[in-house]
Amino acid sequence: MPPRSFTAMGAVDGWQNHQHMIGIDTYYDRAEVSNSDLTELHKFFLPENIVLDLTRAYREGNMVDAMITEPERCDHLRMRIDDEQFTRDEWEMGKRMLDAYLKDDFCMSMLKQSAGQKVFSLADFQMEMDGIDFSLPVRCKYDLFNTVAGFGGDIKTTAATTQKGFEQAFHHFDYPRSRAWYMDISGAERDVVIGISKSRPHKIFKIFIKRGDAIYSHGRDSYMQLAFRWWYLFGEINKEVLV
C-alpha cells in the first residue's frame, strides 16, 4: 500500500471515500467540513495496521439507505442504484431489510414525516476547545429529518442481532460523534439512530439521543477534539476555498 497523504478536502490516498461509491452527489464536493472529513482525519493518525477497510459495509449501507430514502434512484429490474451494480444476493438482502424497516411502526412514521437526505450547513460554526475559540464552515446530511417533530435520524445496517450488540457497535464506531455533530449543526434537540440487522429476520434497533445526555455529551467532546485539530491544520485553507 502506498504511503498515505492527507488534504483539507478530506481525501486520504489509498482509501475511497465511501460517500462517493453510489452515483454522483455534489454534496460531497462542497468545501465545508463534514463528519466524514473528521473521520478521515481520525483514521489518518491511526496506525496503518488498525485502519479497517469498510468498503463493503458502506456499499451495503448506501444501498439500503437509497432504497428507504431515495427509491427513485433504485432500478429494481436491473438491481442498480444510479450507476452502481449489485449482485442478486445483495439486492435481495436489501429488499428484505427495506421490508423490515417498513413493518416497524416508528420507522414507518419517521419515513412519512421526514425529508430524505436533508442537508444543513453553517458558514461559521463557533466552537471552543480548552479555552480557545475557533470556527469552521460545516455541513451535515441526514438520512431522514422529521419536519413535523424537528429532529433527525440515521439508518445503519449492522451485523448485530441484538439491541445490546447494536449499542456496542454504536459506541465502537464512534457514532455518538456524528449524532452530536448533526444536532449542533441543525439545532435539533433530539436524534435517533435506526439499526437494521443484516441477519434474518432483520431485526430493527433504535438508539434515541437527547441534547445534554451522556451520548450527546460524549459525541460533542469527540467531534470538538477532531474539529479543533482540523482547524489547526486546515482552517485557513477552508477559508480560501470558500472565498
C-alpha atoms as a PDB file:
ATOM      1  CA  MET A   1       0.000   0.000   0.000  1.00  0.00           C
ATOM      2  CA  PRO A   2       1.402   3.458  -0.897  1.00  0.00           C
ATOM      3  CA  PRO A   3       2.145   5.972   1.869  1.00  0.00           C
ATOM      4  CA  ARG A   4      -0.897   7.903   2.975  1.00  0.00           C
ATOM      5  CA  SER A   5      -1.249  11.618   2.426  1.00  0.00           C
ATOM      6  CA  PHE A   6      -3.985  13.958   3.548  1.00  0.00           C
ATOM      7  CA  THR A   7      -5.569  17.096   2.148  1.00  0.00           C
ATOM      8  CA  ALA A   8      -8.002  19.601   3.572  1.00  0.00           C
ATOM      9  CA  MET A   9     -10.644  18.425   1.138  1.00  0.00           C
ATOM     10  CA  GLY A  10     -10.909  15.193   3.094  1.00  0.00           C
ATOM     11  CA  ALA A  11      -9.096  12.776   0.780  1.00  0.00           C
ATOM     12  CA  VAL A  12      -6.782  10.064   2.039  1.00  0.00           C
ATOM     13  CA  ASP A  13      -4.763   8.333  -0.681  1.00  0.00           C
ATOM     14  CA  GLY A  14      -5.430   4.612  -0.696  1.00  0.00           C
ATOM     15  CA  TRP A  15      -8.999   4.884   0.600  1.00  0.00           C
ATOM     16  CA  GLN A  16     -12.050   5.653  -1.472  1.00  0.00           C
ATOM     17  CA  ASN A  17     -14.437   7.937   0.361  1.00  0.00           C
ATOM     18  CA  HIS A  18     -17.487   5.727   0.831  1.00  0.00           C
ATOM     19  CA  GLN A  19     -19.831   8.616   0.204  1.00  0.00           C
ATOM     20  CA  HIS A  20     -18.820   8.636  -3.480  1.00  0.00           C
ATOM     21  CA  MET A  21     -19.499   4.955  -4.036  1.00  0.00           C
ATOM     22  CA  ILE A  22     -23.013   5.255  -5.445  1.00  0.00           C
ATOM     23  CA  GLY A  23     -23.853   7.879  -8.022  1.00  0.00           C
ATOM     24  CA  ILE A  24     -22.628  11.433  -8.290  1.00  0.00           C
ATOM     25  CA  ASP A  25     -23.635  13.703  -5.417  1.00  0.00           C
ATOM     26  CA  THR A  26     -22.350  17.271  -5.462  1.00  0.00           C
ATOM     27  CA  TYR A  27     -22.897  17.465  -1.696  1.00  0.00           C
ATOM     28  CA  TYR A  28     -19.566  15.710  -1.226  1.00  0.00           C
ATOM     29  CA  ASP A  29     -17.750  18.206  -3.425  1.00  0.00           C
ATOM     30  CA  ARG A  30     -18.619  21.097  -1.131  1.00  0.00           C
ATOM     31  CA  ALA A  31     -15.835  22.773   0.831  1.00  0.00           C
ATOM     32  CA  GLU A  32     -17.481  22.775   4.269  1.00  0.00           C
ATOM     33  CA  VAL A  33     -16.163  20.300   6.828  1.00  0.00           C
ATOM     34  CA  SER A  34     -18.309  17.199   7.343  1.00  0.00           C
ATOM     35  CA  ASN A  35     -18.299  14.407   9.895  1.00  0.00           C
ATOM     36  CA  SER A  36     -16.827  12.165   7.187  1.00  0.00           C
ATOM     37  CA  ASP A  37     -13.896  14.583   6.918  1.00  0.00           C
ATOM     38  CA  LEU A  38     -13.344  14.328  10.669  1.00  0.00           C
ATOM     39  CA  THR A  39     -13.443  10.539  10.384  1.00  0.00           C
ATOM     40  CA  GLU A  40     -10.779  10.573   7.657  1.00  0.00           C
ATOM     41  CA  LEU A  41      -8.619  12.854   9.797  1.00  0.00           C
ATOM     42  CA  HIS A  42      -9.005  10.461  12.735  1.00  0.00           C
ATOM     43  CA  LYS A  43      -8.076   7.467  10.551  1.00  0.00           C
ATOM     44  CA  PHE A  44      -5.017   9.251   9.200  1.00  0.00           C
ATOM     45  CA  PHE A  45      -3.440   9.370  12.665  1.00  0.00           C
ATOM     46  CA  LEU A  46      -4.194   5.725  13.446  1.00  0.00           C
ATOM     47  CA  PRO A  47      -1.533   3.043  12.941  1.00  0.00           C
ATOM     48  CA  GLU A  48      -1.998   1.630   9.428  1.00  0.00           C
ATOM     49  CA  ASN A  49      -2.480  -1.912  10.686  1.00  0.00           C
ATOM     50  CA  ILE A  50      -5.691  -0.999  12.548  1.00  0.00           C
ATOM     51  CA  VAL A  51      -7.388   1.067   9.836  1.00  0.00           C
ATOM     52  CA  LEU A  52     -10.344  -1.026   8.717  1.00  0.00           C
ATOM     53  CA  ASP A  53     -11.474  -1.383   5.115  1.00  0.00           C
ATOM     54  CA  LEU A  54     -15.221  -0.810   5.399  1.00  0.00           C
ATOM     55  CA  THR A  55     -15.878  -0.534   1.661  1.00  0.00           C
ATOM     56  CA  ARG A  56     -18.314  -3.459   1.576  1.00  0.00           C
ATOM     57  CA  ALA A  57     -20.177  -2.274   4.675  1.00  0.00           C
ATOM     58  CA  TYR A  58     -20.560   1.220   3.220  1.00  0.00           C
ATOM     59  CA  ARG A  59     -21.701  -0.206  -0.108  1.00  0.00           C
ATOM     60  CA  GLU A  60     -24.453  -2.236   1.549  1.00  0.00           C
ATOM     61  CA  GLY A  61     -25.410   0.631   3.831  1.00  0.00           C
ATOM     62  CA  ASN A  62     -25.681   3.091   0.959  1.00  0.00           C
ATOM     63  CA  MET A  63     -27.835   0.608  -0.950  1.00  0.00           C
ATOM     64  CA  VAL A  64     -30.325   0.236   1.892  1.00  0.00           C
ATOM     65  CA  ASP A  65     -30.317   3.999   2.572  1.00  0.00           C
ATOM     66  CA  ALA A  66     -31.257   4.640  -1.050  1.00  0.00           C
ATOM     67  CA  MET A  67     -33.987   2.005  -1.037  1.00  0.00           C
ATOM     68  CA  ILE A  68     -35.571   3.658   2.009  1.00  0.00           C
ATOM     69  CA  THR A  69     -34.979   7.373   1.490  1.00  0.00           C
ATOM     70  CA  GLU A  70     -34.446   7.751  -2.282  1.00  0.00           C
ATOM     71  CA  PRO A  71     -36.439   4.993  -4.011  1.00  0.00           C
ATOM     72  CA  GLU A  72     -36.448   6.957  -7.258  1.00  0.00           C
ATOM     73  CA  ARG A  73     -32.731   6.128  -7.624  1.00  0.00           C
ATOM     74  CA  CYS A  74     -33.344   2.379  -7.419  1.00  0.00           C
ATOM     75  CA  ASP A  75     -33.725   0.238 -10.529  1.00  0.00           C
ATOM     76  CA  HIS A  76     -35.151  -2.997  -9.132  1.00  0.00           C
ATOM     77  CA  LEU A  77     -35.243  -4.681 -12.522  1.00  0.00           C
ATOM     78  CA  ARG A  78     -31.516  -4.266 -13.182  1.00  0.00           C
ATOM     79  CA  MET A  79     -30.554  -4.237  -9.476  1.00  0.00           C
ATOM     80  CA  ARG A  80     -28.797  -0.891  -9.763  1.00  0.00           C
ATOM     81  CA  ILE A  81     -28.688   2.378  -7.884  1.00  0.00           C
ATOM     82  CA  ASP A  82     -27.606   5.101 -10.274  1.00  0.00           C
ATOM     83  CA  ASP A  83     -24.562   3.537 -11.961  1.00  0.00           C
ATOM     84  CA  GLU A  84     -23.736   1.082  -9.170  1.00  0.00           C
ATOM     85  CA  GLN A  85     -24.445  -2.577  -9.953  1.00  0.00           C
ATOM     86  CA  PHE A  86     -25.346  -5.009  -7.172  1.00  0.00           C
ATOM     87  CA  THR A  87     -25.458  -8.780  -7.061  1.00  0.00           C
ATOM     88  CA  ARG A  88     -28.742 -10.639  -6.712  1.00  0.00           C
ATOM     89  CA  ASP A  89     -27.827 -11.702  -3.166  1.00  0.00           C
ATOM     90  CA  GLU A  90     -27.061  -8.110  -2.175  1.00  0.00           C
ATOM     91  CA  TRP A  91     -30.243  -6.792  -3.741  1.00  0.00           C
ATOM     92  CA  GLU A  92     -32.479  -9.438  -2.201  1.00  0.00           C
ATOM     93  CA  MET A  93     -30.980  -8.763   1.221  1.00  0.00           C
ATOM     94  CA  GLY A  94     -31.579  -5.035   0.729  1.00  0.00           C
ATOM     95  CA  LYS A  95     -35.231  -5.618  -0.155  1.00  0.00           C
ATOM     96  CA  ARG A  96     -35.727  -7.792   2.933  1.00  0.00           C
ATOM     97  CA  MET A  97     -34.172  -5.076   5.098  1.00  0.00           C
ATOM     98  CA  LEU A  98     -36.405  -2.465   3.465  1.00  0.00           C
ATOM     99  CA  ASP A  99     -39.457  -4.603   4.242  1.00  0.00           C
ATOM    100  CA  ALA A 100     -38.352  -4.966   7.869  1.00  0.00           C
ATOM    101  CA  TYR A 101     -37.972  -1.190   8.137  1.00  0.00           C
ATOM    102  CA  LEU A 102     -41.421  -0.518   6.662  1.00  0.00           C
ATOM    103  CA  LYS A 103     -43.088  -3.009   9.034  1.00  0.00           C
ATOM    104  CA  ASP A 104     -41.840  -1.116  12.101  1.00  0.00           C
ATOM    105  CA  ASP A 105     -44.432   1.458  13.232  1.00  0.00           C
ATOM    106  CA  PHE A 106     -41.914   4.039  14.423  1.00  0.00           C
ATOM    107  CA  CYS A 107     -39.750   3.689  11.328  1.00  0.00           C
ATOM    108  CA  MET A 108     -42.731   3.990   9.010  1.00  0.00           C
ATOM    109  CA  SER A 109     -43.961   7.090  10.844  1.00  0.00           C
ATOM    110  CA  MET A 110     -40.482   8.603  10.689  1.00  0.00           C
ATOM    111  CA  LEU A 111     -40.314   7.981   6.959  1.00  0.00           C
ATOM    112  CA  LYS A 112     -43.735   9.511   6.285  1.00  0.00           C
ATOM    113  CA  GLN A 113     -42.941  12.677   8.253  1.00  0.00           C
ATOM    114  CA  SER A 114     -39.383  13.155   7.050  1.00  0.00           C
ATOM    115  CA  ALA A 115     -37.427  14.751   4.257  1.00  0.00           C
ATOM    116  CA  GLY A 116     -34.847  12.305   2.930  1.00  0.00           C
ATOM    117  CA  GLN A 117     -31.159  13.247   2.662  1.00  0.00           C
ATOM    118  CA  LYS A 118     -31.750  16.643   4.299  1.00  0.00           C
ATOM    119  CA  VAL A 119     -28.713  18.963   4.212  1.00  0.00           C
ATOM    120  CA  PHE A 120     -27.808  21.558   6.848  1.00  0.00           C
ATOM    121  CA  SER A 121     -24.791  23.858   6.730  1.00  0.00           C
ATOM    122  CA  LEU A 122     -23.274  26.707   8.727  1.00  0.00           C
ATOM    123  CA  ALA A 123     -20.774  29.128   7.229  1.00  0.00           C
ATOM    124  CA  ASP A 124     -19.175  29.970  10.584  1.00  0.00           C
ATOM    125  CA  PHE A 125     -19.764  27.268  13.206  1.00  0.00           C
ATOM    126  CA  GLN A 126     -18.410  28.594  16.508  1.00  0.00           C
ATOM    127  CA  MET A 127     -16.602  26.132  18.784  1.00  0.00           C
ATOM    128  CA  GLU A 128     -14.288  26.170  21.797  1.00  0.00           C
ATOM    129  CA  MET A 129     -11.514  23.824  22.904  1.00  0.00           C
ATOM    130  CA  ASP A 130      -9.527  24.294  26.123  1.00  0.00           C
ATOM    131  CA  GLY A 131     -10.325  27.992  26.208  1.00  0.00           C
ATOM    132  CA  ILE A 132      -9.510  28.572  22.532  1.00  0.00           C
ATOM    133  CA  ASP A 133     -12.354  29.858  20.362  1.00  0.00           C
ATOM    134  CA  PHE A 134     -12.355  28.747  16.734  1.00  0.00           C
ATOM    135  CA  SER A 135     -14.794  28.301  13.874  1.00  0.00           C
ATOM    136  CA  LEU A 136     -15.224  26.276  10.693  1.00  0.00           C
ATOM    137  CA  PRO A 137     -17.651  26.129   7.770  1.00  0.00           C
ATOM    138  CA  VAL A 138     -19.533  22.881   8.360  1.00  0.00           C
ATOM    139  CA  ARG A 139     -22.207  20.667   6.859  1.00  0.00           C
ATOM    140  CA  CYS A 140     -24.190  17.513   7.517  1.00  0.00           C
ATOM    141  CA  LYS A 141     -26.730  15.410   5.653  1.00  0.00           C
ATOM    142  CA  TYR A 142     -29.370  13.408   7.496  1.00  0.00           C
ATOM    143  CA  ASP A 143     -30.731  10.163   6.122  1.00  0.00           C
ATOM    144  CA  LEU A 144     -34.078  11.373   7.442  1.00  0.00           C
ATOM    145  CA  PHE A 145     -35.135  14.637   9.052  1.00  0.00           C
ATOM    146  CA  ASN A 146     -38.572  14.660  10.651  1.00  0.00           C
ATOM    147  CA  THR A 147     -40.004  18.000   9.563  1.00  0.00           C
ATOM    148  CA  VAL A 148     -43.023  17.579  11.864  1.00  0.00           C
ATOM    149  CA  ALA A 149     -41.142  16.850  15.098  1.00  0.00           C
ATOM    150  CA  GLY A 150     -37.961  18.750  14.211  1.00  0.00           C
ATOM    151  CA  PHE A 151     -35.375  16.031  14.714  1.00  0.00           C
ATOM    152  CA  GLY A 152     -33.310  13.786  12.503  1.00  0.00           C
ATOM    153  CA  GLY A 153     -32.204  10.227  12.208  1.00  0.00           C
ATOM    154  CA  ASP A 154     -29.586   7.985  10.661  1.00  0.00           C
ATOM    155  CA  ILE A 155     -30.092   4.490   9.261  1.00  0.00           C
ATOM    156  CA  LYS A 156     -27.364   1.914   9.851  1.00  0.00           C
ATOM    157  CA  THR A 157     -27.071  -1.604   8.519  1.00  0.00           C
ATOM    158  CA  THR A 158     -25.457  -3.767  11.172  1.00  0.00           C
ATOM    159  CA  ALA A 159     -24.063  -7.225  11.780  1.00  0.00           C
ATOM    160  CA  ALA A 160     -25.597  -7.068  15.265  1.00  0.00           C
ATOM    161  CA  THR A 161     -28.507  -9.373  16.049  1.00  0.00           C
ATOM    162  CA  THR A 162     -29.488  -7.884  19.433  1.00  0.00           C
ATOM    163  CA  GLN A 163     -30.128  -4.410  20.830  1.00  0.00           C
ATOM    164  CA  LYS A 164     -27.126  -4.790  23.136  1.00  0.00           C
ATOM    165  CA  GLY A 165     -24.907  -5.755  20.212  1.00  0.00           C
ATOM    166  CA  PHE A 166     -26.079  -2.747  18.220  1.00  0.00           C
ATOM    167  CA  GLU A 167     -25.381  -0.429  21.151  1.00  0.00           C
ATOM    168  CA  GLN A 168     -21.869  -1.854  21.422  1.00  0.00           C
ATOM    169  CA  ALA A 169     -21.297  -1.273  17.696  1.00  0.00           C
ATOM    170  CA  PHE A 170     -22.727   2.242  18.034  1.00  0.00           C
ATOM    171  CA  HIS A 171     -20.008   3.150  20.513  1.00  0.00           C
ATOM    172  CA  HIS A 172     -17.254   1.109  18.851  1.00  0.00           C
ATOM    173  CA  PHE A 173     -17.629   3.040  15.591  1.00  0.00           C
ATOM    174  CA  ASP A 174     -17.908   6.387  17.407  1.00  0.00           C
ATOM    175  CA  TYR A 175     -21.416   7.102  16.155  1.00  0.00           C
ATOM    176  CA  PRO A 176     -22.099   9.456  19.109  1.00  0.00           C
ATOM    177  CA  ARG A 177     -19.732  11.926  17.412  1.00  0.00           C
ATOM    178  CA  SER A 178     -21.779  12.112  14.230  1.00  0.00           C
ATOM    179  CA  ARG A 179     -25.046  12.461  16.126  1.00  0.00           C
ATOM    180  CA  ALA A 180     -23.814  15.388  18.250  1.00  0.00           C
ATOM    181  CA  TRP A 181     -22.281  16.984  15.138  1.00  0.00           C
ATOM    182  CA  TYR A 182     -25.575  16.740  13.259  1.00  0.00           C
ATOM    183  CA  MET A 183     -27.615  18.002  16.211  1.00  0.00           C
ATOM    184  CA  ASP A 184     -25.409  21.033  16.737  1.00  0.00           C
ATOM    185  CA  ILE A 185     -25.394  21.995  13.058  1.00  0.00           C
ATOM    186  CA  SER A 186     -29.152  21.551  12.601  1.00  0.00           C
ATOM    187  CA  GLY A 187     -30.126  22.806  16.061  1.00  0.00           C
ATOM    188  CA  ALA A 188     -32.183  19.669  16.730  1.00  0.00           C
ATOM    189  CA  GLU A 189     -32.807  18.745  20.355  1.00  0.00           C
ATOM    190  CA  ARG A 190     -33.217  15.027  19.663  1.00  0.00           C
ATOM    191  CA  ASP A 191     -31.866  12.353  17.357  1.00  0.00           C
ATOM    192  CA  VAL A 192     -32.366   8.689  16.598  1.00  0.00           C
ATOM    193  CA  VAL A 193     -30.156   6.022  15.064  1.00  0.00           C
ATOM    194  CA  ILE A 194     -32.042   3.128  13.495  1.00  0.00           C
ATOM    195  CA  GLY A 195     -30.203  -0.143  13.023  1.00  0.00           C
ATOM    196  CA  ILE A 196     -31.300  -2.885  10.631  1.00  0.00           C
ATOM    197  CA  SER A 197     -29.705  -6.267  11.177  1.00  0.00           C
ATOM    198  CA  LYS A 198     -28.196  -7.913   8.099  1.00  0.00           C
ATOM    199  CA  SER A 199     -29.125 -11.319   9.500  1.00  0.00           C
ATOM    200  CA  ARG A 200     -32.614 -12.743   9.150  1.00  0.00           C
ATOM    201  CA  PRO A 201     -35.187 -11.839  10.366  1.00  0.00           C
ATOM    202  CA  HIS A 202     -33.550  -8.379  10.050  1.00  0.00           C
ATOM    203  CA  LYS A 203     -34.465  -7.017  13.465  1.00  0.00           C
ATOM    204  CA  ILE A 204     -34.820  -3.270  13.955  1.00  0.00           C
ATOM    205  CA  PHE A 205     -32.889  -1.485  16.714  1.00  0.00           C
ATOM    206  CA  LYS A 206     -33.171   2.115  17.889  1.00  0.00           C
ATOM    207  CA  ILE A 207     -30.980   4.416  19.948  1.00  0.00           C
ATOM    208  CA  PHE A 208     -32.533   7.723  21.000  1.00  0.00           C
ATOM    209  CA  ILE A 209     -30.364  10.719  21.864  1.00  0.00           C
ATOM    210  CA  LYS A 210     -31.293  13.959  23.625  1.00  0.00           C
ATOM    211  CA  ARG A 211     -29.241  17.116  23.831  1.00  0.00           C
ATOM    212  CA  GLY A 212     -27.264  17.051  27.077  1.00  0.00           C
ATOM    213  CA  ASP A 213     -27.473  13.306  27.717  1.00  0.00           C
ATOM    214  CA  ALA A 214     -24.422  11.055  28.048  1.00  0.00           C
ATOM    215  CA  ILE A 215     -24.356  10.016  24.382  1.00  0.00           C
ATOM    216  CA  TYR A 216     -24.641  13.593  23.143  1.00  0.00           C
ATOM    217  CA  SER A 217     -22.012  14.874  25.587  1.00  0.00           C
ATOM    218  CA  HIS A 218     -19.540  12.143  24.654  1.00  0.00           C
ATOM    219  CA  GLY A 219     -20.127  12.762  20.962  1.00  0.00           C
ATOM    220  CA  ARG A 220     -19.717  16.506  21.326  1.00  0.00           C
ATOM    221  CA  ASP A 221     -16.389  16.081  23.124  1.00  0.00           C
ATOM    222  CA  SER A 222     -15.248  13.701  20.387  1.00  0.00           C
ATOM    223  CA  TYR A 223     -16.098  15.979  17.465  1.00  0.00           C
ATOM    224  CA  MET A 224     -14.725  19.035  19.247  1.00  0.00           C
ATOM    225  CA  GLN A 225     -11.273  17.461  19.539  1.00  0.00           C
ATOM    226  CA  LEU A 226     -11.190  16.481  15.867  1.00  0.00           C
ATOM    227  CA  ALA A 227     -12.671  19.784  14.691  1.00  0.00           C
ATOM    228  CA  PHE A 228     -10.001  21.644  16.643  1.00  0.00           C
ATOM    229  CA  ARG A 229      -7.290  19.541  15.020  1.00  0.00           C
ATOM    230  CA  TRP A 230      -8.846  20.208  11.602  1.00  0.00           C
ATOM    231  CA  TRP A 231      -8.989  23.948  12.284  1.00  0.00           C
ATOM    232  CA  TYR A 232      -5.360  23.953  13.432  1.00  0.00           C
ATOM    233  CA  LEU A 233      -4.219  22.114  10.299  1.00  0.00           C
ATOM    234  CA  PHE A 234      -6.563  23.370   7.608  1.00  0.00           C
ATOM    235  CA  GLY A 235      -8.637  26.292   8.870  1.00  0.00           C
ATOM    236  CA  GLU A 236      -7.053  28.888   6.609  1.00  0.00           C
ATOM    237  CA  ILE A 237      -7.283  26.586   3.588  1.00  0.00           C
ATOM    238  CA  ASN A 238     -11.016  26.138   4.130  1.00  0.00           C
ATOM    239  CA  LYS A 239     -11.469  29.914   4.218  1.00  0.00           C
ATOM    240  CA  GLU A 240      -9.590  30.345   0.937  1.00  0.00           C
ATOM    241  CA  VAL A 241     -11.636  27.641  -0.789  1.00  0.00           C
ATOM    242  CA  LEU A 242     -14.918  29.220   0.289  1.00  0.00           C
ATOM    243  CA  VAL A 243     -13.996  32.764  -0.779  1.00  0.00           C
END
